[in-house]
Amino acid sequence: MAMQVEIDDAVATVTIDHPPTNLVDGPLFVALLDTFDRLEADESVRVVVFRSADPDFFLMHGDVHMLRDLAPPYVPATEPNIAAATFTRLRTGRLVTIGLLDGIARGGGCELLCGLDLRFGSERSRVGQPEVALGILAGAGGTVHWARTVGRGRALDILLTGRDVAADELLAIGWLDRLVPSSDLEQTGHAVARRIAAMPAGAVAAVKRVIDAPPEEGLVVESDAVAKLLSTGAHRERMDRFVAAGGQTREAEVLDMQTILDAVLED
């Protein structure tokens, strides 16, 4: 089991390489937790891009041979299991996480992707949750994340039929955030990663915190985040750059806001 890590400026690329089939098993969780611990501790890293070395599977699914032999006595759960907690941590931590899907991800492999902040795919993308047919359910956060991402009805359709969902449908229902040709997937994913990594870390963390807040608390959390960011004064230099680049003028903003923002983000 290997997770190859390359760090370029503030972007870490993690390549999952778990031959022969890229199964979701114990060694994968050990490697994933160790890798994420190290990346979260590295203050220079802002964004993590997950990709696969396997030409067919981002990750196959959980180890069925291992799961079939499990029959522990029932104890009511009081907290998420280790798999669900691990995959949820990929979304709730300070790092922005992006998954690049250029193949198949089923079961636990799909659930890992469900736990990421963003998912970009190619025309080869295909996912599925076959657990119900096997007498269990997507129990590593998948049942919850699918419903929150695509809505209750679509989640039930996918989870209760076990069918594969192809790239075009994944984009249409909002599970994939971008769909690009396979040849462009790496470039697109890393371009977005670099763009996000250039943003102020405090503002990025605040957006993640507000988006993940329960709906009934969201507006209070959002208002608190704005107040906290403004209190630091760190925004002043960036807003000065914005104005100097032509921001808040009709002429510049009609033409191209991205050019203005590029000037704000320059080191």
Protein backbone atom coordinates (compact mmCIF):
# COMPACT_ATOMS: atom_id res chain seq x y z
CA MET A 1 0.00 0.00 0.00
CA ALA A 2 1.43 3.33 -1.01
CA MET A 3 0.24 6.90 -1.03
CA GLN A 4 2.69 8.92 -3.04
CA VAL A 5 2.78 12.59 -2.03
CA GLU A 6 4.16 15.43 -4.10
CA ILE A 7 4.05 19.00 -2.80
CA ASP A 8 4.30 21.93 -5.19
CA ASP A 9 4.05 25.26 -3.41
CA ALA A 10 0.84 25.01 -1.38
CA VAL A 11 -0.71 22.09 -3.29
CA ALA A 12 -0.15 18.46 -2.28
CA THR A 13 -0.94 15.72 -4.79
CA VAL A 14 -1.71 12.33 -3.24
CA THR A 15 -1.61 9.35 -5.60
CA ILE A 16 -3.36 6.25 -4.28
CA ASP A 17 -1.47 3.11 -5.34
CA HIS A 18 -2.83 -0.07 -3.74
CA PRO A 19 -2.38 -2.97 -6.16
CA PRO A 20 -3.69 -5.25 -7.40
CA THR A 21 -7.20 -3.72 -7.30
CA ASN A 22 -7.11 -0.53 -5.17
CA LEU A 23 -9.37 -2.01 -2.49
CA VAL A 24 -10.68 0.01 0.44
CA ASP A 25 -9.23 -1.98 3.34
CA GLY A 26 -7.33 -1.62 6.60
CA PRO A 27 -3.95 -0.77 5.05
CA LEU A 28 -5.59 1.97 2.98
CA PHE A 29 -7.10 3.62 6.07
CA VAL A 30 -3.77 3.45 7.91
CA ALA A 31 -1.97 5.05 4.96
CA LEU A 32 -4.70 7.66 4.45
CA LEU A 33 -4.72 8.75 8.10
CA ASP A 34 -0.94 8.91 8.25
CA THR A 35 -0.79 10.94 5.04
CA PHE A 36 -3.52 13.36 6.09
CA ASP A 37 -1.99 13.81 9.55
CA ARG A 38 1.30 14.86 7.95
CA LEU A 39 -0.32 17.19 5.42
CA GLU A 40 -2.52 18.92 8.01
CA ALA A 41 0.56 19.49 10.17
CA ASP A 42 2.39 21.13 7.26
CA GLU A 43 1.30 24.77 7.37
CA SER A 44 2.64 25.35 3.85
CA VAL A 45 -0.01 23.03 2.37
CA ARG A 46 -3.42 24.54 1.62
CA VAL A 47 -5.01 22.15 -0.91
CA VAL A 48 -4.80 18.38 -1.41
CA VAL A 49 -5.55 16.72 -4.76
CA PHE A 50 -6.36 13.00 -4.66
CA ARG A 51 -5.76 10.88 -7.76
CA SER A 52 -5.25 7.19 -8.50
CA ALA A 53 -2.38 5.26 -10.04
CA ASP A 54 -4.79 2.51 -11.14
CA PRO A 55 -5.92 2.89 -14.79
CA ASP A 56 -9.42 1.53 -14.05
CA PHE A 57 -10.31 2.16 -10.43
CA PHE A 58 -9.95 5.28 -8.34
CA LEU A 59 -10.79 2.81 -5.60
CA MET A 60 -12.69 -0.44 -6.16
CA HIS A 61 -14.81 -0.84 -2.97
CA GLY A 62 -14.49 -2.39 0.48
CA ASP A 63 -12.90 -5.80 0.96
CA VAL A 64 -15.90 -8.14 0.61
CA HIS A 65 -13.92 -11.19 1.82
CA MET A 66 -13.19 -9.36 5.07
CA LEU A 67 -16.70 -7.94 5.47
CA ARG A 68 -18.50 -11.28 4.94
CA ASP A 69 -16.80 -12.77 7.99
CA LEU A 70 -17.82 -9.94 10.29
CA ALA A 71 -20.70 -10.65 12.71
CA PRO A 72 -19.90 -8.73 15.89
CA PRO A 73 -22.49 -8.43 18.67
CA TYR A 74 -24.71 -5.41 18.19
CA VAL A 75 -23.77 -2.36 20.25
CA PRO A 76 -25.70 0.88 19.53
CA ALA A 77 -23.41 3.46 17.93
CA THR A 78 -22.76 6.69 19.81
CA GLU A 79 -20.31 8.17 17.29
CA PRO A 80 -19.35 7.62 13.63
CA ASN A 81 -17.36 4.51 12.82
CA ILE A 82 -13.69 4.90 11.91
CA ALA A 83 -14.35 4.80 8.17
CA ALA A 84 -17.08 7.45 8.29
CA ALA A 85 -15.04 9.65 10.62
CA THR A 86 -11.96 9.37 8.39
CA PHE A 87 -13.76 10.28 5.16
CA THR A 88 -15.69 13.11 6.83
CA ARG A 89 -12.42 14.52 8.17
CA LEU A 90 -11.26 15.00 4.57
CA ARG A 91 -14.02 17.60 4.17
CA THR A 92 -14.13 19.20 7.60
CA GLY A 93 -10.39 19.80 8.14
CA ARG A 94 -8.55 23.02 7.27
CA LEU A 95 -7.30 21.65 3.95
CA VAL A 96 -9.38 21.95 0.78
CA THR A 97 -9.63 18.49 -0.78
CA ILE A 98 -10.19 17.75 -4.47
CA GLY A 99 -10.74 14.33 -6.05
CA LEU A 100 -9.85 13.55 -9.67
CA LEU A 101 -11.96 10.67 -10.99
CA ASP A 102 -10.83 9.12 -14.27
CA GLY A 103 -12.35 5.67 -13.93
CA ILE A 104 -14.56 3.75 -11.52
CA ALA A 105 -15.23 4.25 -7.80
CA ARG A 106 -17.73 2.02 -6.03
CA GLY A 107 -18.66 1.36 -2.42
CA GLY A 108 -16.06 2.76 -0.03
CA GLY A 109 -14.13 4.23 -2.95
CA CYS A 110 -17.13 6.33 -3.86
CA GLU A 111 -17.62 7.24 -0.21
CA LEU A 112 -14.08 8.60 0.02
CA LEU A 113 -14.87 10.87 -2.92
CA CYS A 114 -18.18 11.83 -1.28
CA GLY A 115 -16.19 13.09 1.69
CA LEU A 116 -14.05 15.50 -0.34
CA ASP A 117 -14.75 19.19 -0.88
CA LEU A 118 -14.71 19.01 -4.69
CA ARG A 119 -14.92 16.24 -7.29
CA PHE A 120 -13.75 16.64 -10.88
CA GLY A 121 -14.26 13.83 -13.39
CA SER A 122 -13.69 12.74 -16.96
CA GLU A 123 -15.96 10.99 -19.43
CA ARG A 124 -14.64 7.72 -17.94
CA SER A 125 -16.15 8.50 -14.52
CA ARG A 126 -18.49 5.89 -13.10
CA VAL A 127 -19.59 5.36 -9.50
CA GLY A 128 -21.92 3.07 -7.64
CA GLN A 129 -23.02 1.96 -4.18
CA PRO A 130 -23.69 -1.80 -4.30
CA GLU A 131 -23.94 -2.26 -0.52
CA VAL A 132 -27.73 -2.71 -0.19
CA ALA A 133 -27.68 -5.67 -2.57
CA LEU A 134 -25.08 -7.26 -0.25
CA GLY A 135 -27.28 -6.83 2.83
CA ILE A 136 -25.68 -3.72 4.33
CA LEU A 137 -25.63 -0.01 3.36
CA ALA A 138 -23.08 2.64 2.44
CA GLY A 139 -21.87 3.02 6.02
CA ALA A 140 -18.71 5.12 5.64
CA GLY A 141 -20.67 8.35 5.36
CA GLY A 142 -22.03 7.63 1.91
CA THR A 143 -25.72 7.41 2.76
CA VAL A 144 -25.60 10.79 4.49
CA HIS A 145 -23.35 12.51 1.94
CA TRP A 146 -25.33 11.31 -1.08
CA ALA A 147 -28.58 12.70 0.32
CA ARG A 148 -27.00 16.06 1.18
CA THR A 149 -25.31 16.34 -2.19
CA VAL A 150 -27.98 15.24 -4.67
CA GLY A 151 -31.21 15.25 -2.65
CA ARG A 152 -33.26 12.53 -0.97
CA GLY A 153 -35.01 11.10 -4.03
CA ARG A 154 -31.92 10.80 -6.22
CA ALA A 155 -29.95 9.37 -3.30
CA LEU A 156 -32.59 6.70 -2.73
CA ASP A 157 -32.60 5.82 -6.44
CA ILE A 158 -28.83 5.32 -6.47
CA LEU A 159 -28.45 3.66 -3.07
CA LEU A 160 -31.45 1.30 -3.28
CA THR A 161 -30.84 0.08 -6.86
CA GLY A 162 -27.07 -0.27 -6.65
CA ARG A 163 -26.83 0.94 -10.24
CA ASP A 164 -23.76 2.55 -11.73
CA VAL A 165 -23.99 6.29 -12.38
CA ALA A 166 -22.05 7.58 -15.38
CA ALA A 167 -20.24 10.88 -15.88
CA ASP A 168 -22.99 12.90 -17.58
CA GLU A 169 -25.55 12.04 -14.91
CA LEU A 170 -23.05 12.71 -12.11
CA LEU A 171 -22.54 16.22 -13.45
CA ALA A 172 -26.26 16.81 -13.99
CA ILE A 173 -27.20 15.86 -10.42
CA GLY A 174 -24.36 17.89 -8.91
CA TRP A 175 -22.18 15.06 -7.59
CA LEU A 176 -19.39 15.99 -9.99
CA ASP A 177 -18.42 19.64 -9.82
CA ARG A 178 -16.67 19.68 -13.19
CA LEU A 179 -16.60 17.29 -16.15
CA VAL A 180 -13.65 17.63 -18.52
CA PRO A 181 -11.96 15.36 -21.08
CA SER A 182 -9.70 12.73 -19.58
CA SER A 183 -6.67 14.36 -21.19
CA ASP A 184 -7.43 17.65 -19.40
CA LEU A 185 -8.42 16.33 -15.97
CA GLU A 186 -5.05 16.63 -14.23
CA GLN A 187 -4.39 20.11 -15.61
CA THR A 188 -7.86 21.35 -14.68
CA GLY A 189 -7.75 19.90 -11.18
CA HIS A 190 -4.36 21.35 -10.39
CA ALA A 191 -5.23 24.74 -11.89
CA VAL A 192 -8.22 25.01 -9.56
CA ALA A 193 -6.10 23.76 -6.64
CA ARG A 194 -3.48 26.44 -7.26
CA ARG A 195 -6.16 29.10 -7.54
CA ILE A 196 -7.72 28.14 -4.21
CA ALA A 197 -4.28 27.83 -2.58
CA ALA A 198 -3.59 31.46 -3.55
CA MET A 199 -6.64 32.67 -1.64
CA PRO A 200 -6.28 33.95 1.96
CA ALA A 201 -6.27 30.87 4.20
CA GLY A 202 -8.52 32.46 6.83
CA ALA A 203 -11.21 33.32 4.30
CA VAL A 204 -11.09 29.81 2.78
CA ALA A 205 -11.43 28.19 6.21
CA ALA A 206 -14.32 30.50 7.06
CA VAL A 207 -16.22 29.57 3.88
CA LYS A 208 -15.83 25.86 4.66
CA ARG A 209 -17.02 26.41 8.22
CA VAL A 210 -20.12 28.35 7.17
CA ILE A 211 -21.08 25.97 4.38
CA ASP A 212 -20.92 23.00 6.77
CA ALA A 213 -22.94 24.70 9.51
CA PRO A 214 -26.49 23.39 10.10
CA PRO A 215 -28.99 25.48 8.10
CA GLU A 216 -30.59 26.94 11.22
CA GLU A 217 -27.17 28.18 12.43
CA GLY A 218 -25.65 29.15 9.09
CA LEU A 219 -26.45 32.87 9.11
CA VAL A 220 -25.07 33.35 12.62
CA VAL A 221 -21.90 31.41 11.77
CA GLU A 222 -21.53 33.44 8.56
CA SER A 223 -21.96 36.77 10.38
CA ASP A 224 -19.44 35.72 13.01
CA ALA A 225 -16.93 34.71 10.31
CA VAL A 226 -17.19 38.09 8.58
CA ALA A 227 -16.73 39.93 11.88
CA LYS A 228 -13.71 37.84 12.82
CA LEU A 229 -11.98 38.33 9.44
CA LEU A 230 -12.58 42.08 9.43
CA SER A 231 -11.26 42.41 12.98
CA THR A 232 -7.80 41.22 11.90
CA GLY A 233 -7.36 43.98 9.31
CA ALA A 234 -5.69 41.47 6.99
CA HIS A 235 -8.15 42.34 4.23
CA ARG A 236 -6.93 45.92 3.81
CA GLU A 237 -3.90 45.24 1.62
CA ARG A 238 -5.90 42.99 -0.69
CA MET A 239 -8.68 45.53 -1.05
CA ASP A 240 -6.09 48.21 -1.84
CA ARG A 241 -4.76 45.96 -4.62
CA PHE A 242 -8.32 45.47 -5.87
CA VAL A 243 -8.88 49.22 -6.21
CA ALA A 244 -5.42 49.78 -7.72
CA ALA A 245 -6.14 47.16 -10.39
CA GLY A 246 -9.32 48.96 -11.46
CA GLY A 247 -11.82 47.34 -9.13
CA GLN A 248 -15.02 49.26 -8.42
CA THR A 249 -14.78 51.07 -11.76
CA ARG A 250 -17.30 50.49 -14.49
CA GLU A 251 -14.65 50.23 -17.22
CA ALA A 252 -12.56 47.50 -15.58
CA GLU A 253 -15.35 45.39 -14.09
CA VAL A 254 -17.36 45.27 -17.32
CA LEU A 255 -14.33 43.90 -19.15
CA ASP A 256 -12.79 41.26 -16.92
CA MET A 257 -13.09 40.69 -13.16
CA GLN A 258 -10.65 37.77 -13.31
CA THR A 259 -7.78 40.02 -14.34
CA ILE A 260 -8.49 42.24 -11.35
CA LEU A 261 -8.56 39.27 -8.99
CA ASP A 262 -5.32 37.93 -10.46
CA ALA A 263 -3.68 41.22 -9.50
CA VAL A 264 -5.08 40.90 -5.97
CA LEU A 265 -3.68 37.36 -5.63
CA GLU A 266 -0.17 38.15 -6.86
CA ASP A 267 2.56 37.61 -4.27
